């Protein structure tokens, strides 16, 4: 595999007592290639002390672009995150029982880093297909935000990188008694986003 010839897409496994996470379940439904780029998927550990090592291993081959996915269980639309904050602060423990309070993701680094995805182009493509979608100004302060911040701080500035929060799919929505977006539609939305990441004609906004 040549360096820079793949797009990495990650999700997370179940957490917080839930038995299902659409950010992991959707990965096998994504295309295997976009143009000349391989789509490489991985499931990250829901453990704050292990995320860094997992990302470092994925980035060894210097990806062309990186798209992280996570679950926002109370949202009803796919959410494109604008920024990641340099803070870990969560009362709900991760899967190793760890909690954090006012801890920087990267000590001494900037307070916030902006997404390098073509956010507006993705949003417009989704809305043209009537896919529930929104821009979000907060990725939270849990592992989703940690992952986004680490990636933005470590990958080259010309590597499109960012985070999309997914709402519950039909499986999780039924379990939680909440609105959902069908997993097949979520996969369609992500395929559209990946198509834009594989193109050189769009710049992050």
N, C-alpha and C. Protein backbone atom coordinates (compact mmCIF):
# COMPACT_ATOMS: atom_id res chain seq x y z
N UNK A 1 0.85 -1.20 0.00
CA UNK A 1 0.00 0.00 0.00
C UNK A 1 0.88 1.24 0.00
N UNK A 2 0.69 2.10 -1.01
CA UNK A 2 1.44 3.34 -1.07
C UNK A 2 0.95 4.31 -0.02
N UNK A 3 1.88 5.11 0.50
CA UNK A 3 1.49 6.10 1.48
C UNK A 3 0.51 7.09 0.87
N UNK A 4 -0.49 7.49 1.67
CA UNK A 4 -1.44 8.47 1.22
C UNK A 4 -2.50 7.96 0.28
N UNK A 5 -2.60 6.63 0.09
CA UNK A 5 -3.57 6.07 -0.84
C UNK A 5 -4.77 5.47 -0.14
N UNK A 6 -5.04 5.92 1.05
CA UNK A 6 -6.21 5.41 1.75
C UNK A 6 -6.89 6.51 2.57
N UNK A 7 -8.18 6.32 2.74
CA UNK A 7 -8.95 7.14 3.66
C UNK A 7 -9.29 6.26 4.85
N UNK A 8 -8.98 6.73 6.03
CA UNK A 8 -9.28 5.98 7.25
C UNK A 8 -10.60 6.46 7.81
N UNK A 9 -11.46 5.50 8.14
CA UNK A 9 -12.74 5.80 8.78
C UNK A 9 -12.82 4.98 10.06
N UNK A 10 -13.08 5.64 11.18
CA UNK A 10 -13.15 4.92 12.46
C UNK A 10 -14.52 5.10 13.11
N UNK A 11 -14.88 4.11 13.91
CA UNK A 11 -16.05 4.20 14.78
C UNK A 11 -15.65 3.73 16.17
N UNK A 12 -16.63 3.67 17.06
CA UNK A 12 -16.41 3.19 18.42
C UNK A 12 -17.33 2.01 18.70
N UNK A 13 -16.89 1.15 19.59
CA UNK A 13 -17.74 0.07 20.04
C UNK A 13 -18.77 0.56 21.04
N UNK A 14 -19.64 -0.33 21.53
CA UNK A 14 -20.66 0.05 22.51
C UNK A 14 -20.03 0.61 23.79
N UNK A 15 -20.76 1.48 24.47
CA UNK A 15 -20.27 2.07 25.71
C UNK A 15 -21.47 2.47 26.55
N UNK A 16 -21.22 2.83 27.80
CA UNK A 16 -22.26 3.36 28.66
C UNK A 16 -23.41 2.40 28.91
N UNK A 17 -23.13 1.11 28.86
CA UNK A 17 -24.17 0.13 29.11
C UNK A 17 -24.99 -0.24 27.89
N UNK A 18 -24.77 0.45 26.76
CA UNK A 18 -25.49 0.11 25.53
C UNK A 18 -24.83 -1.09 24.85
N UNK A 19 -25.62 -1.86 24.14
CA UNK A 19 -25.10 -3.06 23.49
C UNK A 19 -24.82 -2.84 22.01
N UNK A 20 -25.01 -1.62 21.54
CA UNK A 20 -24.95 -1.36 20.10
C UNK A 20 -24.45 0.05 19.87
N UNK A 21 -23.60 0.22 18.84
CA UNK A 21 -23.13 1.54 18.47
C UNK A 21 -23.12 1.64 16.95
N UNK A 22 -24.00 2.46 16.37
CA UNK A 22 -24.06 2.54 14.91
C UNK A 22 -22.76 3.01 14.26
N UNK A 23 -21.92 3.72 14.99
CA UNK A 23 -20.66 4.17 14.39
C UNK A 23 -19.73 3.00 14.07
N UNK A 24 -19.92 1.88 14.74
CA UNK A 24 -19.19 0.66 14.40
C UNK A 24 -19.97 -0.18 13.41
N UNK A 25 -21.28 -0.30 13.60
CA UNK A 25 -22.11 -1.15 12.76
C UNK A 25 -22.16 -0.67 11.32
N UNK A 26 -22.03 0.64 11.12
CA UNK A 26 -22.11 1.19 9.76
C UNK A 26 -20.85 0.93 8.94
N UNK A 27 -19.73 0.65 9.58
CA UNK A 27 -18.46 0.54 8.86
C UNK A 27 -18.48 -0.50 7.74
N UNK A 28 -19.02 -1.71 7.94
CA UNK A 28 -19.03 -2.69 6.85
C UNK A 28 -19.91 -2.28 5.67
N UNK A 29 -20.79 -1.31 5.85
CA UNK A 29 -21.69 -0.88 4.79
C UNK A 29 -21.07 0.20 3.90
N UNK A 30 -19.90 0.69 4.25
CA UNK A 30 -19.26 1.74 3.48
C UNK A 30 -18.57 1.17 2.25
N UNK A 31 -18.40 1.98 1.21
CA UNK A 31 -17.69 1.49 0.02
C UNK A 31 -16.26 1.11 0.36
N UNK A 32 -15.71 0.17 -0.41
CA UNK A 32 -14.33 -0.27 -0.17
C UNK A 32 -13.31 0.66 -0.80
N UNK A 33 -13.74 1.39 -1.85
CA UNK A 33 -12.85 2.32 -2.53
C UNK A 33 -13.63 3.55 -2.95
N UNK A 34 -12.94 4.68 -3.01
CA UNK A 34 -13.45 5.91 -3.60
C UNK A 34 -12.41 6.35 -4.62
N UNK A 35 -12.75 6.28 -5.89
CA UNK A 35 -11.79 6.55 -6.96
C UNK A 35 -10.58 5.63 -6.77
N UNK A 36 -9.39 6.20 -6.63
CA UNK A 36 -8.19 5.37 -6.47
C UNK A 36 -7.80 5.19 -5.00
N UNK A 37 -8.69 5.55 -4.09
CA UNK A 37 -8.37 5.50 -2.67
C UNK A 37 -9.07 4.32 -1.99
N UNK A 38 -8.32 3.56 -1.23
CA UNK A 38 -8.89 2.48 -0.42
C UNK A 38 -9.53 3.08 0.83
N UNK A 39 -10.69 2.54 1.22
CA UNK A 39 -11.33 2.93 2.47
C UNK A 39 -10.94 1.90 3.52
N UNK A 40 -10.22 2.34 4.52
CA UNK A 40 -9.76 1.45 5.59
C UNK A 40 -10.54 1.80 6.86
N UNK A 41 -11.23 0.82 7.43
CA UNK A 41 -12.05 1.09 8.61
C UNK A 41 -11.45 0.44 9.85
N UNK A 42 -11.75 1.03 11.01
CA UNK A 42 -11.27 0.51 12.27
C UNK A 42 -12.21 0.93 13.39
N UNK A 43 -12.29 0.11 14.42
CA UNK A 43 -13.08 0.43 15.61
C UNK A 43 -12.13 0.81 16.73
N UNK A 44 -12.29 2.00 17.26
CA UNK A 44 -11.42 2.50 18.32
C UNK A 44 -11.92 2.02 19.68
N UNK A 45 -11.01 1.85 20.63
CA UNK A 45 -11.43 1.48 21.99
C UNK A 45 -12.07 2.65 22.70
N UNK A 46 -13.12 2.38 23.46
CA UNK A 46 -13.76 3.44 24.25
C UNK A 46 -13.03 3.53 25.58
N UNK A 47 -11.74 3.84 25.49
CA UNK A 47 -10.86 3.94 26.66
C UNK A 47 -9.91 5.10 26.43
N UNK A 48 -10.00 6.11 27.28
CA UNK A 48 -9.23 7.32 27.06
C UNK A 48 -7.73 7.09 27.04
N UNK A 49 -7.23 6.10 27.77
CA UNK A 49 -5.79 5.86 27.81
C UNK A 49 -5.27 5.07 26.62
N UNK A 50 -6.16 4.53 25.80
CA UNK A 50 -5.73 3.70 24.67
C UNK A 50 -5.93 4.36 23.32
N UNK A 51 -6.67 5.47 23.29
CA UNK A 51 -6.98 6.08 22.01
C UNK A 51 -5.73 6.53 21.27
N UNK A 52 -4.79 7.17 21.98
CA UNK A 52 -3.58 7.68 21.34
C UNK A 52 -2.83 6.57 20.61
N UNK A 53 -2.59 5.44 21.27
CA UNK A 53 -1.85 4.35 20.64
C UNK A 53 -2.60 3.78 19.44
N UNK A 54 -3.92 3.68 19.56
CA UNK A 54 -4.72 3.16 18.44
C UNK A 54 -4.61 4.07 17.23
N UNK A 55 -4.66 5.39 17.45
CA UNK A 55 -4.55 6.33 16.34
C UNK A 55 -3.15 6.30 15.73
N UNK A 56 -2.13 6.24 16.56
CA UNK A 56 -0.76 6.21 16.05
C UNK A 56 -0.53 5.02 15.13
N UNK A 57 -1.11 3.89 15.49
CA UNK A 57 -0.97 2.70 14.65
C UNK A 57 -1.67 2.90 13.30
N UNK A 58 -2.84 3.52 13.32
CA UNK A 58 -3.57 3.76 12.07
C UNK A 58 -2.85 4.74 11.17
N UNK A 59 -2.17 5.71 11.76
CA UNK A 59 -1.56 6.77 10.97
C UNK A 59 -0.16 6.43 10.47
N UNK A 60 0.32 5.22 10.75
CA UNK A 60 1.68 4.83 10.35
C UNK A 60 1.86 4.93 8.83
N UNK A 61 0.78 4.71 8.08
CA UNK A 61 0.89 4.74 6.61
C UNK A 61 0.47 6.08 6.01
N UNK A 62 0.35 7.09 6.84
CA UNK A 62 0.10 8.46 6.37
C UNK A 62 -1.12 8.53 5.44
N UNK A 63 -2.31 8.50 6.00
CA UNK A 63 -3.53 8.48 5.19
C UNK A 63 -3.74 9.76 4.39
N UNK A 64 -4.53 9.64 3.35
CA UNK A 64 -4.90 10.79 2.51
C UNK A 64 -5.93 11.65 3.22
N UNK A 65 -6.84 11.02 3.97
CA UNK A 65 -7.88 11.73 4.72
C UNK A 65 -8.34 10.83 5.86
N UNK A 66 -8.94 11.45 6.87
CA UNK A 66 -9.40 10.71 8.05
C UNK A 66 -10.79 11.20 8.44
N UNK A 67 -11.69 10.25 8.62
CA UNK A 67 -13.05 10.57 9.06
C UNK A 67 -13.37 9.73 10.29
N UNK A 68 -13.60 10.40 11.40
CA UNK A 68 -13.98 9.70 12.64
C UNK A 68 -15.49 9.77 12.82
N UNK A 69 -16.05 8.69 13.35
CA UNK A 69 -17.48 8.60 13.62
C UNK A 69 -17.70 8.25 15.08
N UNK A 70 -18.79 8.77 15.62
CA UNK A 70 -19.16 8.43 16.98
C UNK A 70 -20.67 8.58 17.15
N UNK A 71 -21.16 8.09 18.25
CA UNK A 71 -22.59 8.14 18.54
C UNK A 71 -22.94 9.35 19.40
N UNK A 72 -23.98 10.07 18.98
CA UNK A 72 -24.61 11.10 19.82
C UNK A 72 -26.03 10.62 20.07
N UNK A 73 -26.24 9.92 21.16
CA UNK A 73 -27.47 9.15 21.36
C UNK A 73 -28.72 10.00 21.49
N UNK A 74 -28.57 11.30 21.80
CA UNK A 74 -29.74 12.15 21.95
C UNK A 74 -30.03 13.02 20.72
N UNK A 75 -29.20 12.93 19.71
CA UNK A 75 -29.40 13.74 18.51
C UNK A 75 -30.28 13.00 17.51
N UNK A 76 -30.87 13.76 16.60
CA UNK A 76 -31.78 13.17 15.62
C UNK A 76 -31.29 13.36 14.18
N UNK A 77 -30.08 13.88 14.02
CA UNK A 77 -29.52 14.11 12.69
C UNK A 77 -28.03 13.83 12.72
N UNK A 78 -27.45 13.56 11.55
CA UNK A 78 -26.01 13.44 11.45
C UNK A 78 -25.40 14.81 11.69
N UNK A 79 -24.37 14.87 12.52
CA UNK A 79 -23.81 16.15 12.95
C UNK A 79 -22.35 16.28 12.54
N UNK A 80 -22.07 17.27 11.73
CA UNK A 80 -20.70 17.58 11.32
C UNK A 80 -20.09 18.51 12.37
N UNK A 81 -19.04 18.05 13.02
CA UNK A 81 -18.45 18.83 14.11
C UNK A 81 -17.48 19.88 13.56
N UNK A 82 -17.69 21.11 14.01
CA UNK A 82 -16.84 22.22 13.56
C UNK A 82 -15.48 22.23 14.26
N UNK A 83 -15.45 21.99 15.58
CA UNK A 83 -14.21 22.14 16.34
C UNK A 83 -14.05 21.02 17.36
N UNK A 84 -12.81 20.80 17.74
CA UNK A 84 -12.48 19.93 18.87
C UNK A 84 -11.83 20.79 19.95
N UNK A 85 -12.17 20.53 21.19
CA UNK A 85 -11.63 21.28 22.32
C UNK A 85 -10.52 20.52 23.02
N UNK A 86 -9.56 21.25 23.52
CA UNK A 86 -8.43 20.64 24.22
C UNK A 86 -8.78 20.38 25.68
N UNK A 87 -9.81 19.57 25.89
CA UNK A 87 -10.22 19.27 27.26
C UNK A 87 -10.91 17.91 27.30
N UNK A 88 -10.60 17.16 28.34
CA UNK A 88 -11.30 15.92 28.68
C UNK A 88 -12.04 16.18 29.98
N UNK A 89 -13.34 15.96 29.97
CA UNK A 89 -14.14 16.20 31.16
C UNK A 89 -15.41 15.36 31.03
N UNK A 90 -15.44 14.23 31.72
CA UNK A 90 -16.62 13.36 31.61
C UNK A 90 -16.85 12.58 32.89
N UNK A 91 -18.10 12.64 33.35
CA UNK A 91 -18.50 11.90 34.54
C UNK A 91 -18.86 10.45 34.22
N UNK A 92 -19.46 10.24 33.04
CA UNK A 92 -19.74 8.86 32.61
C UNK A 92 -18.41 8.17 32.35
N UNK A 93 -18.11 7.07 33.01
CA UNK A 93 -16.82 6.42 32.82
C UNK A 93 -16.70 5.81 31.43
N UNK A 94 -15.46 5.71 30.96
CA UNK A 94 -15.24 4.99 29.72
C UNK A 94 -15.30 3.49 29.99
N UNK A 95 -14.99 2.68 29.02
CA UNK A 95 -15.15 1.24 29.18
C UNK A 95 -14.12 0.60 30.11
N UNK A 96 -13.12 1.38 30.52
CA UNK A 96 -12.15 0.90 31.50
C UNK A 96 -12.46 1.47 32.88
N UNK A 97 -13.57 2.20 33.01
CA UNK A 97 -13.94 2.78 34.30
C UNK A 97 -13.26 4.10 34.60
N UNK A 98 -12.57 4.67 33.61
CA UNK A 98 -11.84 5.93 33.82
C UNK A 98 -12.77 7.13 33.68
N UNK A 99 -12.53 8.16 34.51
CA UNK A 99 -13.20 9.45 34.40
C UNK A 99 -12.13 10.53 34.32
N UNK A 100 -12.49 11.66 33.72
CA UNK A 100 -11.57 12.79 33.64
C UNK A 100 -12.31 14.08 33.98
N UNK A 101 -11.57 15.03 34.58
CA UNK A 101 -12.15 16.33 34.92
C UNK A 101 -11.13 17.42 34.63
N UNK A 102 -11.45 18.29 33.69
CA UNK A 102 -10.61 19.44 33.34
C UNK A 102 -9.18 19.04 33.00
N UNK A 103 -9.02 17.98 32.22
CA UNK A 103 -7.70 17.51 31.81
C UNK A 103 -7.49 17.85 30.33
N UNK A 104 -6.36 18.45 29.97
CA UNK A 104 -6.13 18.75 28.55
C UNK A 104 -5.89 17.47 27.75
N UNK A 105 -6.35 17.47 26.52
CA UNK A 105 -6.05 16.35 25.63
C UNK A 105 -4.56 16.35 25.30
N UNK A 106 -4.04 17.54 24.98
CA UNK A 106 -2.62 17.72 24.68
C UNK A 106 -2.14 18.91 25.51
N UNK A 107 -1.39 18.69 26.57
CA UNK A 107 -0.95 19.80 27.42
C UNK A 107 -0.19 20.87 26.62
N UNK A 108 -0.55 22.12 26.87
CA UNK A 108 0.14 23.22 26.22
C UNK A 108 -0.30 23.53 24.81
N UNK A 109 -1.23 22.75 24.27
CA UNK A 109 -1.69 22.95 22.90
C UNK A 109 -2.84 23.95 22.87
N UNK A 110 -3.24 24.41 21.67
CA UNK A 110 -4.35 25.39 21.58
C UNK A 110 -5.64 24.87 22.19
N UNK A 111 -6.48 25.81 22.62
CA UNK A 111 -7.75 25.46 23.24
C UNK A 111 -8.67 24.72 22.29
N UNK A 112 -8.66 25.09 21.01
CA UNK A 112 -9.56 24.48 20.03
C UNK A 112 -8.87 24.35 18.69
N UNK A 113 -9.27 23.32 17.94
CA UNK A 113 -8.79 23.10 16.58
C UNK A 113 -10.00 22.89 15.67
N UNK A 114 -9.94 23.46 14.48
CA UNK A 114 -11.07 23.39 13.55
C UNK A 114 -11.01 22.16 12.66
N UNK A 115 -12.17 21.64 12.36
CA UNK A 115 -12.27 20.53 11.42
C UNK A 115 -11.63 20.89 10.09
N UNK A 116 -11.06 19.90 9.44
CA UNK A 116 -10.51 20.09 8.10
C UNK A 116 -11.31 19.30 7.05
N UNK A 117 -12.57 19.04 7.36
CA UNK A 117 -13.47 18.45 6.38
C UNK A 117 -14.16 19.56 5.59
N UNK A 118 -14.60 19.27 4.35
CA UNK A 118 -15.40 20.24 3.60
C UNK A 118 -16.83 20.26 4.13
N UNK A 119 -17.01 20.86 5.29
CA UNK A 119 -18.26 20.74 6.04
C UNK A 119 -19.47 21.21 5.25
N UNK A 120 -19.38 22.39 4.65
CA UNK A 120 -20.53 22.94 3.96
C UNK A 120 -20.87 22.11 2.72
N UNK A 121 -19.86 21.63 2.02
CA UNK A 121 -20.12 20.80 0.84
C UNK A 121 -20.81 19.50 1.23
N UNK A 122 -20.36 18.89 2.33
CA UNK A 122 -20.99 17.66 2.81
C UNK A 122 -22.42 17.93 3.23
N UNK A 123 -22.61 19.01 4.00
CA UNK A 123 -23.96 19.35 4.47
C UNK A 123 -24.91 19.56 3.30
N UNK A 124 -24.46 20.29 2.29
CA UNK A 124 -25.31 20.55 1.13
C UNK A 124 -25.64 19.27 0.38
N UNK A 125 -24.67 18.38 0.26
CA UNK A 125 -24.91 17.11 -0.43
C UNK A 125 -25.93 16.28 0.32
N UNK A 126 -25.85 16.29 1.63
CA UNK A 126 -26.82 15.54 2.45
C UNK A 126 -28.21 16.14 2.33
N UNK A 127 -28.30 17.43 2.43
CA UNK A 127 -29.62 18.07 2.38
C UNK A 127 -30.26 17.90 1.01
N UNK A 128 -29.45 17.82 -0.04
CA UNK A 128 -29.99 17.58 -1.37
C UNK A 128 -30.64 16.21 -1.48
N UNK A 129 -30.22 15.28 -0.62
CA UNK A 129 -30.80 13.93 -0.58
C UNK A 129 -31.81 13.79 0.56
N UNK A 130 -32.17 14.89 1.19
CA UNK A 130 -33.12 14.88 2.31
C UNK A 130 -32.64 14.02 3.48
N UNK A 131 -31.34 14.00 3.69
CA UNK A 131 -30.76 13.29 4.83
C UNK A 131 -30.73 14.23 6.03
N UNK A 132 -31.26 13.85 7.17
CA UNK A 132 -31.23 14.73 8.35
C UNK A 132 -29.80 15.08 8.73
N UNK A 133 -29.47 16.35 8.72
CA UNK A 133 -28.08 16.76 8.91
C UNK A 133 -28.00 18.15 9.51
N UNK A 134 -26.88 18.40 10.20
CA UNK A 134 -26.66 19.70 10.81
C UNK A 134 -25.17 19.92 11.04
N UNK A 135 -24.79 21.20 11.17
CA UNK A 135 -23.47 21.54 11.67
C UNK A 135 -23.55 21.64 13.18
N UNK A 136 -22.53 21.18 13.86
CA UNK A 136 -22.50 21.22 15.32
C UNK A 136 -21.23 21.92 15.77
N UNK A 137 -21.37 22.74 16.79
CA UNK A 137 -20.22 23.48 17.31
C UNK A 137 -19.58 22.83 18.52
N UNK A 138 -20.03 21.64 18.88
CA UNK A 138 -19.44 20.96 20.04
C UNK A 138 -19.40 19.46 19.83
N UNK A 139 -18.20 18.91 19.87
CA UNK A 139 -18.02 17.46 19.83
C UNK A 139 -18.04 16.88 21.24
N UNK A 140 -18.40 17.71 22.24
CA UNK A 140 -18.42 17.25 23.62
C UNK A 140 -17.04 17.28 24.23
N UNK A 141 -16.88 16.59 25.34
CA UNK A 141 -15.58 16.51 26.02
C UNK A 141 -15.26 15.07 26.42
N UNK A 142 -15.85 14.14 25.68
CA UNK A 142 -15.63 12.71 25.93
C UNK A 142 -14.62 12.19 24.89
N UNK A 143 -14.64 10.91 24.60
CA UNK A 143 -13.63 10.34 23.71
C UNK A 143 -13.78 10.76 22.26
N UNK A 144 -14.99 11.10 21.83
CA UNK A 144 -15.17 11.60 20.47
C UNK A 144 -14.34 12.86 20.26
N UNK A 145 -14.49 13.80 21.16
CA UNK A 145 -13.72 15.03 21.10
C UNK A 145 -12.22 14.76 21.23
N UNK A 146 -11.84 13.87 22.13
CA UNK A 146 -10.43 13.52 22.30
C UNK A 146 -9.84 13.00 20.98
N UNK A 147 -10.56 12.11 20.33
CA UNK A 147 -10.09 11.53 19.08
C UNK A 147 -9.95 12.59 18.00
N UNK A 148 -10.94 13.45 17.89
CA UNK A 148 -10.88 14.51 16.89
C UNK A 148 -9.71 15.45 17.15
N UNK A 149 -9.51 15.83 18.42
CA UNK A 149 -8.43 16.76 18.74
C UNK A 149 -7.06 16.13 18.47
N UNK A 150 -6.88 14.89 18.90
CA UNK A 150 -5.60 14.22 18.67
C UNK A 150 -5.27 14.14 17.18
N UNK A 151 -6.26 13.81 16.39
CA UNK A 151 -6.03 13.67 14.96
C UNK A 151 -5.69 15.01 14.32
N UNK A 152 -6.43 16.05 14.66
CA UNK A 152 -6.16 17.37 14.09
C UNK A 152 -4.79 17.89 14.51
N UNK A 153 -4.37 17.54 15.71
CA UNK A 153 -3.08 18.04 16.20
C UNK A 153 -1.90 17.26 15.66
N UNK A 154 -2.13 16.03 15.19
CA UNK A 154 -1.01 15.18 14.80
C UNK A 154 -0.87 14.96 13.30
N UNK A 155 -1.99 15.05 12.57
CA UNK A 155 -1.92 14.82 11.13
C UNK A 155 -1.53 16.10 10.40
N UNK A 156 -0.92 15.98 9.21
CA UNK A 156 -0.53 17.17 8.45
C UNK A 156 -1.72 18.07 8.14
N UNK A 157 -1.47 19.35 8.02
CA UNK A 157 -2.55 20.31 7.80
C UNK A 157 -3.25 20.11 6.46
N UNK A 158 -2.60 19.43 5.51
CA UNK A 158 -3.23 19.18 4.21
C UNK A 158 -3.98 17.86 4.16
N UNK A 159 -4.11 17.19 5.31
CA UNK A 159 -4.86 15.94 5.40
C UNK A 159 -6.27 16.25 5.90
N UNK A 160 -7.31 16.16 5.05
CA UNK A 160 -8.67 16.41 5.53
C UNK A 160 -9.00 15.49 6.70
N UNK A 161 -9.41 16.09 7.81
CA UNK A 161 -9.62 15.34 9.05
C UNK A 161 -10.79 15.94 9.80
N UNK A 162 -11.64 15.07 10.35
CA UNK A 162 -12.74 15.60 11.13
C UNK A 162 -13.60 14.51 11.72
N UNK A 163 -14.72 14.94 12.30
CA UNK A 163 -15.58 14.04 13.07
C UNK A 163 -17.04 14.26 12.72
N UNK A 164 -17.77 13.14 12.59
CA UNK A 164 -19.21 13.16 12.37
C UNK A 164 -19.88 12.35 13.48
N UNK A 165 -20.80 12.99 14.18
CA UNK A 165 -21.61 12.28 15.17
C UNK A 165 -22.84 11.70 14.48
N UNK A 166 -23.11 10.44 14.75
CA UNK A 166 -24.28 9.77 14.20
C UNK A 166 -25.39 9.70 15.24
N UNK A 167 -26.64 9.81 14.81
CA UNK A 167 -27.77 9.60 15.73
C UNK A 167 -28.01 8.10 15.89
N UNK A 168 -28.90 7.71 16.77
CA UNK A 168 -29.26 6.30 16.86
C UNK A 168 -29.77 5.78 15.51
N UNK A 169 -29.47 4.51 15.22
CA UNK A 169 -30.09 3.85 14.08
C UNK A 169 -31.33 3.11 14.58
N UNK A 170 -31.95 2.31 13.71
CA UNK A 170 -33.19 1.66 14.10
C UNK A 170 -33.01 0.68 15.26
N UNK A 171 -31.85 0.03 15.31
CA UNK A 171 -31.60 -0.92 16.40
C UNK A 171 -31.52 -0.20 17.74
N UNK A 172 -30.68 0.83 17.80
CA UNK A 172 -30.50 1.56 19.05
C UNK A 172 -31.73 2.40 19.38
N UNK A 173 -32.34 2.98 18.36
CA UNK A 173 -33.53 3.78 18.60
C UNK A 173 -34.65 2.97 19.23
N UNK A 174 -34.81 1.73 18.77
CA UNK A 174 -35.82 0.85 19.35
C UNK A 174 -35.48 0.50 20.78
N UNK A 175 -34.20 0.25 21.05
CA UNK A 175 -33.77 -0.09 22.40
C UNK A 175 -33.98 1.06 23.37
N UNK A 176 -33.70 2.27 22.91
CA UNK A 176 -33.76 3.44 23.78
C UNK A 176 -35.12 4.14 23.75
N UNK A 177 -35.95 3.77 22.79
CA UNK A 177 -37.23 4.46 22.65
C UNK A 177 -37.07 5.88 22.16
N UNK A 178 -36.13 6.10 21.22
CA UNK A 178 -35.84 7.44 20.72
C UNK A 178 -35.95 7.47 19.21
N UNK A 179 -36.07 8.67 18.61
CA UNK A 179 -36.05 8.78 17.15
C UNK A 179 -34.74 8.25 16.58
N UNK A 180 -34.79 7.82 15.33
CA UNK A 180 -33.59 7.25 14.73
C UNK A 180 -33.51 7.60 13.24
N UNK A 181 -32.32 7.43 12.70
CA UNK A 181 -32.09 7.52 11.26
C UNK A 181 -31.63 6.13 10.82
N UNK A 182 -32.31 5.50 9.86
CA UNK A 182 -31.96 4.13 9.47
C UNK A 182 -30.48 3.99 9.10
N UNK A 183 -29.91 2.87 9.48
CA UNK A 183 -28.48 2.65 9.26
C UNK A 183 -28.14 2.73 7.77
N UNK A 184 -28.99 2.22 6.91
CA UNK A 184 -28.73 2.26 5.47
C UNK A 184 -28.63 3.70 4.99
N UNK A 185 -29.46 4.59 5.51
CA UNK A 185 -29.40 6.00 5.13
C UNK A 185 -28.14 6.66 5.69
N UNK A 186 -27.75 6.29 6.89
CA UNK A 186 -26.50 6.80 7.45
C UNK A 186 -25.32 6.39 6.58
N UNK A 187 -25.32 5.13 6.12
CA UNK A 187 -24.24 4.65 5.25
C UNK A 187 -24.21 5.42 3.94
N UNK A 188 -25.39 5.71 3.39
CA UNK A 188 -25.46 6.50 2.16
C UNK A 188 -24.87 7.88 2.38
N UNK A 189 -25.21 8.49 3.51
CA UNK A 189 -24.68 9.82 3.82
C UNK A 189 -23.16 9.80 3.93
N UNK A 190 -22.63 8.79 4.58
CA UNK A 190 -21.18 8.71 4.76
C UNK A 190 -20.48 8.44 3.44
N UNK A 191 -21.09 7.66 2.55
CA UNK A 191 -20.50 7.43 1.24
C UNK A 191 -20.41 8.75 0.46
N UNK A 192 -21.42 9.59 0.57
CA UNK A 192 -21.37 10.91 -0.07
C UNK A 192 -20.22 11.74 0.50
N UNK A 193 -20.07 11.72 1.81
CA UNK A 193 -18.99 12.48 2.45
C UNK A 193 -17.63 11.96 2.00
N UNK A 194 -17.49 10.65 1.92
CA UNK A 194 -16.22 10.06 1.50
C UNK A 194 -15.90 10.43 0.05
N UNK A 195 -16.92 10.51 -0.78
CA UNK A 195 -16.70 10.93 -2.15
C UNK A 195 -16.13 12.33 -2.24
N UNK A 196 -16.58 13.21 -1.35
CA UNK A 196 -16.04 14.57 -1.33
C UNK A 196 -14.63 14.59 -0.78
N UNK A 197 -14.33 13.73 0.19
CA UNK A 197 -12.98 13.68 0.74
C UNK A 197 -11.99 13.15 -0.28
N UNK A 198 -12.46 12.30 -1.18
CA UNK A 198 -11.58 11.76 -2.21
C UNK A 198 -11.36 12.69 -3.38
N UNK A 199 -12.00 13.84 -3.35
CA UNK A 199 -11.88 14.81 -4.43
C UNK A 199 -10.93 15.94 -4.05
N UNK A 200 -10.20 16.44 -5.00
CA UNK A 200 -9.30 17.56 -4.76
C UNK A 200 -9.97 18.90 -5.05
N UNK A 201 -11.26 18.89 -5.35
CA UNK A 201 -11.92 20.12 -5.80
C UNK A 201 -12.60 20.88 -4.68
N UNK A 202 -12.56 20.34 -3.44
CA UNK A 202 -13.24 20.99 -2.33
C UNK A 202 -12.24 21.34 -1.24
N UNK A 203 -12.42 22.48 -0.65
CA UNK A 203 -11.58 22.92 0.46
C UNK A 203 -12.44 22.98 1.72
N UNK A 204 -11.85 22.69 2.91
CA UNK A 204 -12.61 22.78 4.14
C UNK A 204 -13.17 24.18 4.36
N UNK A 205 -14.39 24.25 4.91
CA UNK A 205 -14.99 25.54 5.27
C UNK A 205 -15.56 25.46 6.65
